[in-house]
Amino acid sequence: MRVTLEQLIRAYPAWRIQDLAGGWVAMRRSPVPDASSLSNVRCGETLTELAANLEAETRLK
């Protein structure tokens, strides 16, 4: 299934999502502490890949 930017923005409001150098990057609006197992940045070559990476991030909580 193809993912759109609008879908990602709605699904992950805690992340700022943007096109960067031919791929996509999501940066947390509020960074997590260094000792956390969570990421502040997730990337993907496509929006679909980025969506999968953000979904994986939610499972780490």
C-alpha atoms as a PDB file:
ATOM      1  CA  MET A   1       0.000   0.000   0.000  1.00  0.00           C
ATOM      2  CA  ARG A   2       1.315   3.423  -0.941  1.00  0.00           C
ATOM      3  CA  VAL A   3       1.623   5.869   1.949  1.00  0.00           C
ATOM      4  CA  THR A   4       1.118   9.609   1.500  1.00  0.00           C
ATOM      5  CA  LEU A   5       2.810  12.429   3.366  1.00  0.00           C
ATOM      6  CA  GLU A   6      -0.556  13.559   4.720  1.00  0.00           C
ATOM      7  CA  GLN A   7      -1.230  10.090   6.156  1.00  0.00           C
ATOM      8  CA  LEU A   8       2.128  10.062   7.940  1.00  0.00           C
ATOM      9  CA  ILE A   9       1.647  13.563   9.332  1.00  0.00           C
ATOM     10  CA  ARG A  10      -1.751  12.550  10.747  1.00  0.00           C
ATOM     11  CA  ALA A  11      -0.519   9.203  12.081  1.00  0.00           C
ATOM     12  CA  TYR A  12       2.656  10.584  13.717  1.00  0.00           C
ATOM     13  CA  PRO A  13       1.967  14.117  15.002  1.00  0.00           C
ATOM     14  CA  ALA A  14       4.958  13.957  17.375  1.00  0.00           C
ATOM     15  CA  TRP A  15       7.291  13.830  14.362  1.00  0.00           C
ATOM     16  CA  ARG A  16       8.279  16.503  11.826  1.00  0.00           C
ATOM     17  CA  ILE A  17       8.446  14.753   8.435  1.00  0.00           C
ATOM     18  CA  GLN A  18      10.214  16.166   5.398  1.00  0.00           C
ATOM     19  CA  ASP A  19      11.836  15.293   2.097  1.00  0.00           C
ATOM     20  CA  LEU A  20      15.621  15.326   2.408  1.00  0.00           C
ATOM     21  CA  ALA A  21      18.255  14.528  -0.231  1.00  0.00           C
ATOM     22  CA  GLY A  22      16.109  12.129  -2.232  1.00  0.00           C
ATOM     23  CA  GLY A  23      14.645  10.335   0.772  1.00  0.00           C
ATOM     24  CA  TRP A  24      12.481  11.099   3.777  1.00  0.00           C
ATOM     25  CA  VAL A  25      13.356  11.960   7.353  1.00  0.00           C
ATOM     26  CA  ALA A  26      11.241  12.159  10.504  1.00  0.00           C
ATOM     27  CA  MET A  27      12.553  14.115  13.489  1.00  0.00           C
ATOM     28  CA  ARG A  28      10.895  14.134  16.881  1.00  0.00           C
ATOM     29  CA  ARG A  29       9.383  17.471  17.827  1.00  0.00           C
ATOM     30  CA  SER A  30      10.471  16.830  21.428  1.00  0.00           C
ATOM     31  CA  PRO A  31      13.742  14.863  21.611  1.00  0.00           C
ATOM     32  CA  VAL A  32      13.971  11.822  23.860  1.00  0.00           C
ATOM     33  CA  PRO A  33      16.794  11.624  26.444  1.00  0.00           C
ATOM     34  CA  ASP A  34      20.143  10.154  25.352  1.00  0.00           C
ATOM     35  CA  ALA A  35      19.658   7.174  27.685  1.00  0.00           C
ATOM     36  CA  SER A  36      16.400   6.228  25.946  1.00  0.00           C
ATOM     37  CA  SER A  37      16.214   3.276  23.572  1.00  0.00           C
ATOM     38  CA  LEU A  38      14.038   5.418  21.299  1.00  0.00           C
ATOM     39  CA  SER A  39      15.299   7.408  18.308  1.00  0.00           C
ATOM     40  CA  ASN A  40      15.046  11.118  17.646  1.00  0.00           C
ATOM     41  CA  VAL A  41      15.443  10.623  13.887  1.00  0.00           C
ATOM     42  CA  ARG A  42      14.106   7.934  11.556  1.00  0.00           C
ATOM     43  CA  CYS A  43      14.718   7.805   7.800  1.00  0.00           C
ATOM     44  CA  GLY A  44      13.376   6.031   4.757  1.00  0.00           C
ATOM     45  CA  GLU A  45      14.086   6.006   1.052  1.00  0.00           C
ATOM     46  CA  THR A  46      10.318   6.182   0.420  1.00  0.00           C
ATOM     47  CA  LEU A  47       7.349   7.255   2.512  1.00  0.00           C
ATOM     48  CA  THR A  48       6.336   3.598   2.765  1.00  0.00           C
ATOM     49  CA  GLU A  49       9.743   2.682   4.190  1.00  0.00           C
ATOM     50  CA  LEU A  50       9.619   5.643   6.572  1.00  0.00           C
ATOM     51  CA  ALA A  51       6.149   4.549   7.737  1.00  0.00           C
ATOM     52  CA  ALA A  52       7.501   1.068   8.502  1.00  0.00           C
ATOM     53  CA  ASN A  53      10.428   2.564  10.429  1.00  0.00           C
ATOM     54  CA  LEU A  54       8.123   4.820  12.457  1.00  0.00           C
ATOM     55  CA  GLU A  55       5.851   1.864  13.196  1.00  0.00           C
ATOM     56  CA  ALA A  56       8.875  -0.098  14.422  1.00  0.00           C
ATOM     57  CA  GLU A  57       9.768   2.856  16.640  1.00  0.00           C
ATOM     58  CA  THR A  58       6.335   2.753  18.289  1.00  0.00           C
ATOM     59  CA  ARG A  59       6.877  -0.923  19.178  1.00  0.00           C
ATOM     60  CA  LEU A  60      10.056  -0.014  21.127  1.00  0.00           C
ATOM     61  CA  LYS A  61       8.133   1.838  23.840  1.00  0.00           C
END
